[in-house]
Amino acid sequence: MGVWKLRLSMVGTLALIISLSTLVFTLLLSLAGVFDYLTLGIMIVGVNLAQWLFAPYLVDAIYRVHPLSESENPRLHEAIAKISQTSGISKPKLMLSQISLPNAFAYGSPLTGNKVAVTEGLLKNLEAGEVEAVIGHELGHLKHRDVQVMMAVSILPALFMYIGYMFMFQGQGNRRSEGGNGAIIGMAFIGFSWLLNLFTLYLSRLREYYADRHGASVVENGAQKLSSGLAKIIHATQRTRLSKGEKQNLSTFKALFINDPDKAAADSAALATIEASKENLVEQILSKEPTFTDTVIEVLSTHPNIIKRLRALQELS
């Protein structure tokens, strides 16, 4: 996907989400004869803003993140400083997540500043150049302000969902004509929130492609290094045994990760014929074709299908 096509797709999807939300919101509330939901809207926006401001503290606690000092890993600090300069952004705080799964994520808020975290599993399973390409991807998210954009967009499905449930409860409490209409309108709000969420997931996948492009552009031979890094992440994730509690914790903020750990099993279908060796992972994934199941899973995911993702990177080589 060309860069301008990608940018236009993101802008178009964002415009569609906002315009559809405004249209449906106005239409349904007009039909209901209700115009006093301003307080509810303010409350939901406020909750999401608070979540954005304080979520970094939860991320640090859940993923056992602590600052990675320059004395502990001077090479990685040098790399992130160089890539940040190439990206045209300030160097974020470099963090280490004490989890065994290979992954990385960018996060932050005005209270904490921008952060990029790498996991112990990432440093163990990837080569230095691949780690740098992964960091380039994460810096792309910071440069493109993806945390802020996705937070703003994610408010809309939540808003429709909450209003829908309020109408539903109103309908249950009043079985007369007005209550019945309220229940129907509530179902319409909830149904539209699900549709809106699909558009939000699509926007999230587009922004992953965009961050991949950034990672490929700010590291020498970045497309190949990021491709091999992603393949190794999936390969190692599928082979890492986690407890039920660890899996639940990993799913809490999985949208932040460079690769969704919950999709590792599905993505590893592309690695079904690969032995334990890490040799030729990228080539063997690219030799596959996405199945119908892969397509369905991708529609409901924040991250692109791995085969499509690697093919997009190959176009940049």
C-alpha atoms as a PDB file:
ATOM      1  CA  MET A   1       0.000   0.000   0.000  1.00  0.00           C
ATOM      2  CA  GLY A   2       1.524   3.325  -1.108  1.00  0.00           C
ATOM      3  CA  VAL A   3       2.121   5.954   1.543  1.00  0.00           C
ATOM      4  CA  TRP A   4      -0.428   8.400   0.132  1.00  0.00           C
ATOM      5  CA  LYS A   5      -3.014   5.676  -0.290  1.00  0.00           C
ATOM      6  CA  LEU A   6      -2.380   4.689   3.323  1.00  0.00           C
ATOM      7  CA  ARG A   7      -2.694   8.265   4.550  1.00  0.00           C
ATOM      8  CA  LEU A   8      -5.886   8.861   2.562  1.00  0.00           C
ATOM      9  CA  SER A   9      -7.334   5.602   3.904  1.00  0.00           C
ATOM     10  CA  MET A  10      -6.636   6.702   7.479  1.00  0.00           C
ATOM     11  CA  VAL A  11      -8.080  10.186   6.945  1.00  0.00           C
ATOM     12  CA  GLY A  12     -11.100   8.743   5.125  1.00  0.00           C
ATOM     13  CA  THR A  13     -11.766   6.182   7.844  1.00  0.00           C
ATOM     14  CA  LEU A  14     -11.436   8.796  10.586  1.00  0.00           C
ATOM     15  CA  ALA A  15     -13.790  11.152   8.710  1.00  0.00           C
ATOM     16  CA  LEU A  16     -16.280   8.307   8.207  1.00  0.00           C
ATOM     17  CA  ILE A  17     -16.237   7.423  11.905  1.00  0.00           C
ATOM     18  CA  ILE A  18     -16.841  11.023  12.972  1.00  0.00           C
ATOM     19  CA  SER A  19     -19.488  11.817  10.341  1.00  0.00           C
ATOM     20  CA  LEU A  20     -21.433   8.577  10.862  1.00  0.00           C
ATOM     21  CA  SER A  21     -21.296   9.081  14.625  1.00  0.00           C
ATOM     22  CA  THR A  22     -22.652  12.620  14.359  1.00  0.00           C
ATOM     23  CA  LEU A  23     -25.399  11.610  11.918  1.00  0.00           C
ATOM     24  CA  VAL A  24     -26.630   8.559  13.817  1.00  0.00           C
ATOM     25  CA  PHE A  25     -26.337  10.271  17.198  1.00  0.00           C
ATOM     26  CA  THR A  26     -28.447  13.215  16.042  1.00  0.00           C
ATOM     27  CA  LEU A  27     -30.989  11.030  14.223  1.00  0.00           C
ATOM     28  CA  LEU A  28     -31.621   8.564  17.042  1.00  0.00           C
ATOM     29  CA  LEU A  29     -31.855  11.193  19.759  1.00  0.00           C
ATOM     30  CA  SER A  30     -34.210  13.233  17.550  1.00  0.00           C
ATOM     31  CA  LEU A  31     -36.441  10.179  17.131  1.00  0.00           C
ATOM     32  CA  ALA A  32     -36.350   9.637  20.883  1.00  0.00           C
ATOM     33  CA  GLY A  33     -37.137  13.273  21.570  1.00  0.00           C
ATOM     34  CA  VAL A  34     -34.175  13.439  23.939  1.00  0.00           C
ATOM     35  CA  PHE A  35     -31.662  16.265  23.954  1.00  0.00           C
ATOM     36  CA  ASP A  36     -30.323  16.167  27.526  1.00  0.00           C
ATOM     37  CA  TYR A  37     -27.528  13.643  27.135  1.00  0.00           C
ATOM     38  CA  LEU A  38     -24.819  16.276  27.240  1.00  0.00           C
ATOM     39  CA  THR A  39     -23.970  15.352  30.837  1.00  0.00           C
ATOM     40  CA  LEU A  40     -23.574  11.687  29.878  1.00  0.00           C
ATOM     41  CA  GLY A  41     -21.314  12.606  26.970  1.00  0.00           C
ATOM     42  CA  ILE A  42     -19.146  14.808  29.191  1.00  0.00           C
ATOM     43  CA  MET A  43     -18.911  12.024  31.767  1.00  0.00           C
ATOM     44  CA  ILE A  44     -17.797   9.412  29.227  1.00  0.00           C
ATOM     45  CA  VAL A  45     -15.246  11.770  27.671  1.00  0.00           C
ATOM     46  CA  GLY A  46     -13.983  12.578  31.156  1.00  0.00           C
ATOM     47  CA  VAL A  47     -13.585   8.900  32.060  1.00  0.00           C
ATOM     48  CA  ASN A  48     -11.632   8.226  28.870  1.00  0.00           C
ATOM     49  CA  LEU A  49      -9.405  11.256  29.409  1.00  0.00           C
ATOM     50  CA  ALA A  50      -8.669  10.082  32.948  1.00  0.00           C
ATOM     51  CA  GLN A  51      -7.863   6.637  31.593  1.00  0.00           C
ATOM     52  CA  TRP A  52      -5.436   8.159  29.082  1.00  0.00           C
ATOM     53  CA  LEU A  53      -3.755  10.293  31.739  1.00  0.00           C
ATOM     54  CA  PHE A  54      -3.321   7.515  34.306  1.00  0.00           C
ATOM     55  CA  ALA A  55      -3.085   4.393  32.091  1.00  0.00           C
ATOM     56  CA  PRO A  56       0.755   4.556  31.899  1.00  0.00           C
ATOM     57  CA  TYR A  57       0.911   3.856  35.631  1.00  0.00           C
ATOM     58  CA  LEU A  58      -1.278   0.762  35.135  1.00  0.00           C
ATOM     59  CA  VAL A  59       0.852  -0.341  32.184  1.00  0.00           C
ATOM     60  CA  ASP A  60       3.980  -0.080  34.324  1.00  0.00           C
ATOM     61  CA  ALA A  61       2.385  -2.157  37.084  1.00  0.00           C
ATOM     62  CA  ILE A  62       0.772  -4.846  34.918  1.00  0.00           C
ATOM     63  CA  TYR A  63       3.778  -5.412  32.650  1.00  0.00           C
ATOM     64  CA  ARG A  64       6.394  -4.943  35.410  1.00  0.00           C
ATOM     65  CA  VAL A  65       8.028  -2.022  33.652  1.00  0.00           C
ATOM     66  CA  HIS A  66      10.910  -0.019  35.043  1.00  0.00           C
ATOM     67  CA  PRO A  67      13.325   2.523  33.529  1.00  0.00           C
ATOM     68  CA  LEU A  68      16.232   0.964  31.663  1.00  0.00           C
ATOM     69  CA  SER A  69      19.287   2.965  32.664  1.00  0.00           C
ATOM     70  CA  GLU A  70      21.993   3.868  30.193  1.00  0.00           C
ATOM     71  CA  SER A  71      24.546   1.929  32.233  1.00  0.00           C
ATOM     72  CA  GLU A  72      22.453  -1.258  31.882  1.00  0.00           C
ATOM     73  CA  ASN A  73      22.218  -1.079  28.100  1.00  0.00           C
ATOM     74  CA  PRO A  74      24.239   1.792  26.574  1.00  0.00           C
ATOM     75  CA  ARG A  75      23.926   0.396  23.039  1.00  0.00           C
ATOM     76  CA  LEU A  76      20.133   0.452  23.154  1.00  0.00           C
ATOM     77  CA  HIS A  77      20.119   3.989  24.532  1.00  0.00           C
ATOM     78  CA  GLU A  78      22.443   5.078  21.750  1.00  0.00           C
ATOM     79  CA  ALA A  79      20.194   3.407  19.188  1.00  0.00           C
ATOM     80  CA  ILE A  80      16.964   4.997  20.428  1.00  0.00           C
ATOM     81  CA  ALA A  81      18.631   8.427  20.594  1.00  0.00           C
ATOM     82  CA  LYS A  82      19.805   8.066  16.987  1.00  0.00           C
ATOM     83  CA  ILE A  83      16.446   6.792  15.717  1.00  0.00           C
ATOM     84  CA  SER A  84      14.594   9.530  17.610  1.00  0.00           C
ATOM     85  CA  GLN A  85      16.770  12.172  15.947  1.00  0.00           C
ATOM     86  CA  THR A  86      16.150  10.609  12.529  1.00  0.00           C
ATOM     87  CA  SER A  87      12.417  10.534  13.309  1.00  0.00           C
ATOM     88  CA  GLY A  88      12.419  14.202  14.255  1.00  0.00           C
ATOM     89  CA  ILE A  89      11.094  13.658  17.784  1.00  0.00           C
ATOM     90  CA  SER A  90      12.492  13.946  21.297  1.00  0.00           C
ATOM     91  CA  LYS A  91      14.005  10.822  22.758  1.00  0.00           C
ATOM     92  CA  PRO A  92      11.354   9.026  24.848  1.00  0.00           C
ATOM     93  CA  LYS A  93      12.071   7.313  28.139  1.00  0.00           C
ATOM     94  CA  LEU A  94      13.482   3.840  27.522  1.00  0.00           C
ATOM     95  CA  MET A  95      11.802   1.186  29.669  1.00  0.00           C
ATOM     96  CA  LEU A  96      12.246  -2.535  30.271  1.00  0.00           C
ATOM     97  CA  SER A  97       9.262  -4.838  30.774  1.00  0.00           C
ATOM     98  CA  GLN A  98      10.039  -7.925  32.812  1.00  0.00           C
ATOM     99  CA  ILE A  99       7.925 -10.367  30.829  1.00  0.00           C
ATOM    100  CA  SER A 100       9.177 -13.324  28.836  1.00  0.00           C
ATOM    101  CA  LEU A 101       7.122 -12.719  25.701  1.00  0.00           C
ATOM    102  CA  PRO A 102       9.004 -10.842  22.966  1.00  0.00           C
ATOM    103  CA  ASN A 103       7.216  -7.555  22.360  1.00  0.00           C
ATOM    104  CA  ALA A 104       7.483  -3.770  22.562  1.00  0.00           C
ATOM    105  CA  PHE A 105       5.103  -0.892  23.044  1.00  0.00           C
ATOM    106  CA  ALA A 106       4.941   2.903  23.055  1.00  0.00           C
ATOM    107  CA  TYR A 107       2.764   4.708  25.560  1.00  0.00           C
ATOM    108  CA  GLY A 108       2.577   7.795  27.721  1.00  0.00           C
ATOM    109  CA  SER A 109       0.508  10.822  28.675  1.00  0.00           C
ATOM    110  CA  PRO A 110       1.100  14.442  29.669  1.00  0.00           C
ATOM    111  CA  LEU A 111       1.626  13.213  33.244  1.00  0.00           C
ATOM    112  CA  THR A 112       4.360  10.696  32.397  1.00  0.00           C
ATOM    113  CA  GLY A 113       5.845  11.825  29.098  1.00  0.00           C
ATOM    114  CA  ASN A 114       6.426   9.477  26.175  1.00  0.00           C
ATOM    115  CA  LYS A 115       7.860   6.032  26.840  1.00  0.00           C
ATOM    116  CA  VAL A 116       9.012   3.099  24.745  1.00  0.00           C
ATOM    117  CA  ALA A 117       9.250  -0.276  26.468  1.00  0.00           C
ATOM    118  CA  VAL A 118      10.959  -3.437  25.266  1.00  0.00           C
ATOM    119  CA  THR A 119      10.417  -6.774  26.966  1.00  0.00           C
ATOM    120  CA  GLU A 120      13.103  -9.102  28.241  1.00  0.00           C
ATOM    121  CA  GLY A 121      11.805 -11.638  25.737  1.00  0.00           C
ATOM    122  CA  LEU A 122      12.378  -9.221  22.865  1.00  0.00           C
ATOM    123  CA  LEU A 123      16.008  -8.601  23.803  1.00  0.00           C
ATOM    124  CA  LYS A 124      16.546 -12.343  24.221  1.00  0.00           C
ATOM    125  CA  ASN A 125      15.027 -13.493  20.919  1.00  0.00           C
ATOM    126  CA  LEU A 126      15.881 -10.705  18.452  1.00  0.00           C
ATOM    127  CA  GLU A 127      19.183  -9.484  17.083  1.00  0.00           C
ATOM    128  CA  ALA A 128      20.281  -5.900  17.741  1.00  0.00           C
ATOM    129  CA  GLY A 129      19.286  -4.621  14.279  1.00  0.00           C
ATOM    130  CA  GLU A 130      15.834  -6.207  14.576  1.00  0.00           C
ATOM    131  CA  VAL A 131      15.323  -4.599  17.986  1.00  0.00           C
ATOM    132  CA  GLU A 132      16.230  -1.227  16.471  1.00  0.00           C
ATOM    133  CA  ALA A 133      13.658  -1.698  13.699  1.00  0.00           C
ATOM    134  CA  VAL A 134      11.020  -2.576  16.302  1.00  0.00           C
ATOM    135  CA  ILE A 135      11.916   0.574  18.225  1.00  0.00           C
ATOM    136  CA  GLY A 136      11.617   2.532  14.970  1.00  0.00           C
ATOM    137  CA  HIS A 137       8.073   1.192  14.626  1.00  0.00           C
ATOM    138  CA  GLU A 138       7.215   2.290  18.158  1.00  0.00           C
ATOM    139  CA  LEU A 139       8.696   5.746  17.599  1.00  0.00           C
ATOM    140  CA  GLY A 140       6.431   5.941  14.549  1.00  0.00           C
ATOM    141  CA  HIS A 141       3.426   5.597  16.865  1.00  0.00           C
ATOM    142  CA  LEU A 142       4.737   8.472  18.978  1.00  0.00           C
ATOM    143  CA  LYS A 143       5.498  10.655  15.957  1.00  0.00           C
ATOM    144  CA  HIS A 144       2.025  10.017  14.497  1.00  0.00           C
ATOM    145  CA  ARG A 145       0.352  10.606  17.897  1.00  0.00           C
ATOM    146  CA  ASP A 146      -1.427   7.276  17.624  1.00  0.00           C
ATOM    147  CA  VAL A 147      -2.154   7.034  21.365  1.00  0.00           C
ATOM    148  CA  GLN A 148      -4.110  10.295  21.263  1.00  0.00           C
ATOM    149  CA  VAL A 149      -5.854   9.528  17.959  1.00  0.00           C
ATOM    150  CA  MET A 150      -7.001   6.054  18.978  1.00  0.00           C
ATOM    151  CA  MET A 151      -8.128   7.300  22.392  1.00  0.00           C
ATOM    152  CA  ALA A 152     -10.275  10.006  20.773  1.00  0.00           C
ATOM    153  CA  VAL A 153     -11.796   7.559  18.290  1.00  0.00           C
ATOM    154  CA  SER A 154     -12.394   4.864  20.918  1.00  0.00           C
ATOM    155  CA  ILE A 155     -14.556   7.274  22.930  1.00  0.00           C
ATOM    156  CA  LEU A 156     -17.279   7.169  20.256  1.00  0.00           C
ATOM    157  CA  PRO A 157     -18.205   3.458  20.403  1.00  0.00           C
ATOM    158  CA  ALA A 158     -18.194   3.692  24.212  1.00  0.00           C
ATOM    159  CA  LEU A 159     -20.512   6.695  24.067  1.00  0.00           C
ATOM    160  CA  PHE A 160     -23.021   4.898  21.848  1.00  0.00           C
ATOM    161  CA  MET A 161     -22.832   1.747  23.943  1.00  0.00           C
ATOM    162  CA  TYR A 162     -23.546   3.561  27.222  1.00  0.00           C
ATOM    163  CA  ILE A 163     -26.431   5.537  25.752  1.00  0.00           C
ATOM    164  CA  GLY A 164     -27.838   2.322  24.257  1.00  0.00           C
ATOM    165  CA  TYR A 165     -27.815   0.568  27.608  1.00  0.00           C
ATOM    166  CA  MET A 166     -29.497   3.558  29.243  1.00  0.00           C
ATOM    167  CA  PHE A 167     -32.325   3.369  26.725  1.00  0.00           C
ATOM    168  CA  MET A 168     -32.546  -0.405  27.213  1.00  0.00           C
ATOM    169  CA  PHE A 169     -32.848  -0.092  30.987  1.00  0.00           C
ATOM    170  CA  GLN A 170     -35.375   2.672  30.505  1.00  0.00           C
ATOM    171  CA  GLY A 171     -37.364   0.332  28.283  1.00  0.00           C
ATOM    172  CA  GLN A 172     -37.259  -2.470  30.879  1.00  0.00           C
ATOM    173  CA  GLY A 173     -38.541  -0.134  33.548  1.00  0.00           C
ATOM    174  CA  ASN A 174     -41.459   1.062  31.409  1.00  0.00           C
ATOM    175  CA  ARG A 175     -43.336  -1.488  29.281  1.00  0.00           C
ATOM    176  CA  ARG A 176     -45.608   1.118  27.739  1.00  0.00           C
ATOM    177  CA  SER A 177     -45.244   2.501  24.239  1.00  0.00           C
ATOM    178  CA  GLU A 178     -42.541   4.995  25.170  1.00  0.00           C
ATOM    179  CA  GLY A 179     -40.571   2.295  27.007  1.00  0.00           C
ATOM    180  CA  GLY A 180     -40.799  -0.023  24.000  1.00  0.00           C
ATOM    181  CA  ASN A 181     -39.531   2.689  21.703  1.00  0.00           C
ATOM    182  CA  GLY A 182     -36.719   3.366  24.130  1.00  0.00           C
ATOM    183  CA  ALA A 183     -35.657  -0.292  24.019  1.00  0.00           C
ATOM    184  CA  ILE A 184     -35.621  -0.270  20.221  1.00  0.00           C
ATOM    185  CA  ILE A 185     -33.608   2.925  20.116  1.00  0.00           C
ATOM    186  CA  GLY A 186     -31.248   1.460  22.720  1.00  0.00           C
ATOM    187  CA  MET A 187     -30.684  -1.626  20.552  1.00  0.00           C
ATOM    188  CA  ALA A 188     -29.977   0.654  17.589  1.00  0.00           C
ATOM    189  CA  PHE A 189     -27.356   2.550  19.595  1.00  0.00           C
ATOM    190  CA  ILE A 190     -25.702  -0.687  20.744  1.00  0.00           C
ATOM    191  CA  GLY A 191     -25.737  -2.151  17.240  1.00  0.00           C
ATOM    192  CA  PHE A 192     -24.159   0.981  15.823  1.00  0.00           C
ATOM    193  CA  SER A 193     -21.487   0.956  18.522  1.00  0.00           C
ATOM    194  CA  TRP A 194     -20.426  -2.507  17.313  1.00  0.00           C
ATOM    195  CA  LEU A 195     -20.291  -1.264  13.712  1.00  0.00           C
ATOM    196  CA  LEU A 196     -18.306   1.768  14.801  1.00  0.00           C
ATOM    197  CA  ASN A 197     -15.902  -0.459  16.681  1.00  0.00           C
ATOM    198  CA  LEU A 198     -15.153  -2.353  13.446  1.00  0.00           C
ATOM    199  CA  PHE A 199     -14.172   0.933  11.785  1.00  0.00           C
ATOM    200  CA  THR A 200     -12.028   1.764  14.822  1.00  0.00           C
ATOM    201  CA  LEU A 201     -10.232  -1.589  14.553  1.00  0.00           C
ATOM    202  CA  TYR A 202      -9.651  -0.951  10.841  1.00  0.00           C
ATOM    203  CA  LEU A 203      -8.134   2.440  11.651  1.00  0.00           C
ATOM    204  CA  SER A 204      -5.897   0.767  14.244  1.00  0.00           C
ATOM    205  CA  ARG A 205      -4.630  -1.721  11.631  1.00  0.00           C
ATOM    206  CA  LEU A 206      -3.917   1.095   9.182  1.00  0.00           C
ATOM    207  CA  ARG A 207      -1.876   2.892  11.812  1.00  0.00           C
ATOM    208  CA  GLU A 208       0.144  -0.282  12.413  1.00  0.00           C
ATOM    209  CA  TYR A 209       1.025  -0.322   8.700  1.00  0.00           C
ATOM    210  CA  TYR A 210       1.955   3.354   8.959  1.00  0.00           C
ATOM    211  CA  ALA A 211       4.216   2.712  11.965  1.00  0.00           C
ATOM    212  CA  ASP A 212       5.799  -0.202  10.074  1.00  0.00           C
ATOM    213  CA  ARG A 213       6.635   2.197   7.251  1.00  0.00           C
ATOM    214  CA  HIS A 214       8.245   4.544   9.729  1.00  0.00           C
ATOM    215  CA  GLY A 215      10.312   1.772  11.280  1.00  0.00           C
ATOM    216  CA  ALA A 216      11.477   0.695   7.846  1.00  0.00           C
ATOM    217  CA  SER A 217      12.495   4.256   6.906  1.00  0.00           C
ATOM    218  CA  VAL A 218      14.517   5.253   9.981  1.00  0.00           C
ATOM    219  CA  VAL A 219      16.706   2.145  10.294  1.00  0.00           C
ATOM    220  CA  GLU A 220      19.179   0.945   7.678  1.00  0.00           C
ATOM    221  CA  ASN A 221      17.655  -2.002   5.822  1.00  0.00           C
ATOM    222  CA  GLY A 222      14.697  -1.457   8.147  1.00  0.00           C
ATOM    223  CA  ALA A 223      12.062  -3.325   6.135  1.00  0.00           C
ATOM    224  CA  GLN A 224      14.023  -6.579   6.219  1.00  0.00           C
ATOM    225  CA  LYS A 225      15.018  -6.180   9.866  1.00  0.00           C
ATOM    226  CA  LEU A 226      11.453  -5.410  10.945  1.00  0.00           C
ATOM    227  CA  SER A 227      10.118  -8.321   8.883  1.00  0.00           C
ATOM    228  CA  SER A 228      12.485 -10.810  10.495  1.00  0.00           C
ATOM    229  CA  GLY A 229      11.839  -9.270  13.909  1.00  0.00           C
ATOM    230  CA  LEU A 230       8.064  -9.674  13.560  1.00  0.00           C
ATOM    231  CA  ALA A 231       8.449 -13.270  12.367  1.00  0.00           C
ATOM    232  CA  LYS A 232      10.667 -14.097  15.350  1.00  0.00           C
ATOM    233  CA  ILE A 233       8.210 -12.426  17.737  1.00  0.00           C
ATOM    234  CA  ILE A 234       5.402 -14.693  16.526  1.00  0.00           C
ATOM    235  CA  HIS A 235       7.649 -17.743  16.495  1.00  0.00           C
ATOM    236  CA  ALA A 236       8.787 -17.172  20.094  1.00  0.00           C
ATOM    237  CA  THR A 237       5.380 -16.057  21.418  1.00  0.00           C
ATOM    238  CA  GLN A 238       3.735 -19.279  20.287  1.00  0.00           C
ATOM    239  CA  ARG A 239       6.402 -21.285  22.114  1.00  0.00           C
ATOM    240  CA  THR A 240       6.282 -19.361  25.379  1.00  0.00           C
ATOM    241  CA  ARG A 241       4.143 -21.003  28.039  1.00  0.00           C
ATOM    242  CA  LEU A 242       2.200 -18.577  30.205  1.00  0.00           C
ATOM    243  CA  SER A 243      -0.115 -19.073  33.153  1.00  0.00           C
ATOM    244  CA  LYS A 244      -3.791 -18.129  32.849  1.00  0.00           C
ATOM    245  CA  GLY A 245      -3.194 -15.052  34.994  1.00  0.00           C
ATOM    246  CA  GLU A 246      -0.287 -13.923  32.818  1.00  0.00           C
ATOM    247  CA  LYS A 247      -2.399 -14.302  29.672  1.00  0.00           C
ATOM    248  CA  GLN A 248      -5.154 -12.163  31.181  1.00  0.00           C
ATOM    249  CA  ASN A 249      -2.666  -9.472  32.182  1.00  0.00           C
ATOM    250  CA  LEU A 250      -1.112  -9.427  28.712  1.00  0.00           C
ATOM    251  CA  SER A 251      -4.530  -8.895  27.134  1.00  0.00           C
ATOM    252  CA  THR A 252      -5.268  -5.779  29.208  1.00  0.00           C
ATOM    253  CA  PHE A 253      -3.370  -3.335  26.978  1.00  0.00           C
ATOM    254  CA  LYS A 254      -2.558  -5.643  24.048  1.00  0.00           C
ATOM    255  CA  ALA A 255      -3.468  -2.948  21.499  1.00  0.00           C
ATOM    256  CA  LEU A 256      -0.241  -1.191  22.514  1.00  0.00           C
ATOM    257  CA  PHE A 257       1.976  -4.108  21.487  1.00  0.00           C
ATOM    258  CA  ILE A 258       3.769  -4.328  18.154  1.00  0.00           C
ATOM    259  CA  ASN A 259       2.102  -7.726  17.764  1.00  0.00           C
ATOM    260  CA  ASP A 260      -1.060  -9.008  19.441  1.00  0.00           C
ATOM    261  CA  PRO A 261      -0.019 -11.953  21.668  1.00  0.00           C
ATOM    262  CA  ASP A 262      -3.570 -13.347  21.544  1.00  0.00           C
ATOM    263  CA  LYS A 263      -3.211 -13.707  17.772  1.00  0.00           C
ATOM    264  CA  ALA A 264       0.021 -15.658  18.000  1.00  0.00           C
ATOM    265  CA  ALA A 265      -1.777 -18.986  17.676  1.00  0.00           C
ATOM    266  CA  ALA A 266      -3.629 -17.828  14.576  1.00  0.00           C
ATOM    267  CA  ASP A 267      -0.583 -16.151  13.078  1.00  0.00           C
ATOM    268  CA  SER A 268       1.510 -19.215  13.748  1.00  0.00           C
ATOM    269  CA  ALA A 269      -0.677 -21.140  11.313  1.00  0.00           C
ATOM    270  CA  ALA A 270       1.538 -19.453   8.746  1.00  0.00           C
ATOM    271  CA  LEU A 271       4.466 -21.115  10.499  1.00  0.00           C
ATOM    272  CA  ALA A 272       2.888 -24.556  10.655  1.00  0.00           C
ATOM    273  CA  THR A 273       5.500 -26.193   8.448  1.00  0.00           C
ATOM    274  CA  ILE A 274       8.463 -24.532  10.142  1.00  0.00           C
ATOM    275  CA  GLU A 275      10.660 -26.522  12.460  1.00  0.00           C
ATOM    276  CA  ALA A 276      12.013 -25.153  15.730  1.00  0.00           C
ATOM    277  CA  SER A 277      14.782 -23.388  13.799  1.00  0.00           C
ATOM    278  CA  LYS A 278      14.346 -19.661  13.118  1.00  0.00           C
ATOM    279  CA  GLU A 279      15.891 -19.939   9.671  1.00  0.00           C
ATOM    280  CA  ASN A 280      13.930 -18.507   6.735  1.00  0.00           C
ATOM    281  CA  LEU A 281      10.919 -17.549   8.840  1.00  0.00           C
ATOM    282  CA  VAL A 282      10.002 -14.567   6.677  1.00  0.00           C
ATOM    283  CA  GLU A 283      10.291 -16.479   3.394  1.00  0.00           C
ATOM    284  CA  GLN A 284       8.124 -19.309   4.669  1.00  0.00           C
ATOM    285  CA  ILE A 285       5.436 -16.952   5.969  1.00  0.00           C
ATOM    286  CA  LEU A 286       5.384 -15.073   2.664  1.00  0.00           C
ATOM    287  CA  SER A 287       4.885 -18.365   0.811  1.00  0.00           C
ATOM    288  CA  LYS A 288       1.474 -18.770   2.500  1.00  0.00           C
ATOM    289  CA  GLU A 289      -1.882 -17.259   1.586  1.00  0.00           C
ATOM    290  CA  PRO A 290      -4.297 -15.801   4.168  1.00  0.00           C
ATOM    291  CA  THR A 291      -7.258 -18.115   4.732  1.00  0.00           C
ATOM    292  CA  PHE A 292     -10.905 -17.112   5.192  1.00  0.00           C
ATOM    293  CA  THR A 293     -10.465 -17.656   8.932  1.00  0.00           C
ATOM    294  CA  ASP A 294      -7.427 -15.354   8.889  1.00  0.00           C
ATOM    295  CA  THR A 295      -9.542 -12.660   7.233  1.00  0.00           C
ATOM    296  CA  VAL A 296     -12.320 -12.946   9.824  1.00  0.00           C
ATOM    297  CA  ILE A 297      -9.823 -12.833  12.692  1.00  0.00           C
ATOM    298  CA  GLU A 298      -8.140  -9.785  11.172  1.00  0.00           C
ATOM    299  CA  VAL A 299     -11.430  -7.864  10.913  1.00  0.00           C
ATOM    300  CA  LEU A 300     -11.833  -8.239  14.684  1.00  0.00           C
ATOM    301  CA  SER A 301      -8.209  -7.405  15.490  1.00  0.00           C
ATOM    302  CA  THR A 302      -6.215  -4.257  16.229  1.00  0.00           C
ATOM    303  CA  HIS A 303      -3.263  -5.632  14.215  1.00  0.00           C
ATOM    304  CA  PRO A 304      -2.951  -6.685  10.554  1.00  0.00           C
ATOM    305  CA  ASN A 305      -2.619 -10.281   9.430  1.00  0.00           C
ATOM    306  CA  ILE A 306       1.067 -11.211   9.575  1.00  0.00           C
ATOM    307  CA  ILE A 307       1.220 -12.403   5.946  1.00  0.00           C
ATOM    308  CA  LYS A 308      -0.249  -9.133   4.659  1.00  0.00           C
ATOM    309  CA  ARG A 309       1.942  -7.164   7.007  1.00  0.00           C
ATOM    310  CA  LEU A 310       5.164  -8.782   5.829  1.00  0.00           C
ATOM    311  CA  ARG A 311       4.151  -8.401   2.184  1.00  0.00           C
ATOM    312  CA  ALA A 312       3.610  -4.666   2.750  1.00  0.00           C
ATOM    313  CA  LEU A 313       7.109  -4.463   4.248  1.00  0.00           C
ATOM    314  CA  GLN A 314       8.609  -6.343   1.301  1.00  0.00           C
ATOM    315  CA  GLU A 315       7.304  -3.610  -1.006  1.00  0.00           C
ATOM    316  CA  LEU A 316       9.533  -1.173   0.896  1.00  0.00           C
ATOM    317  CA  SER A 317      12.712  -3.222   0.513  1.00  0.00           C
END
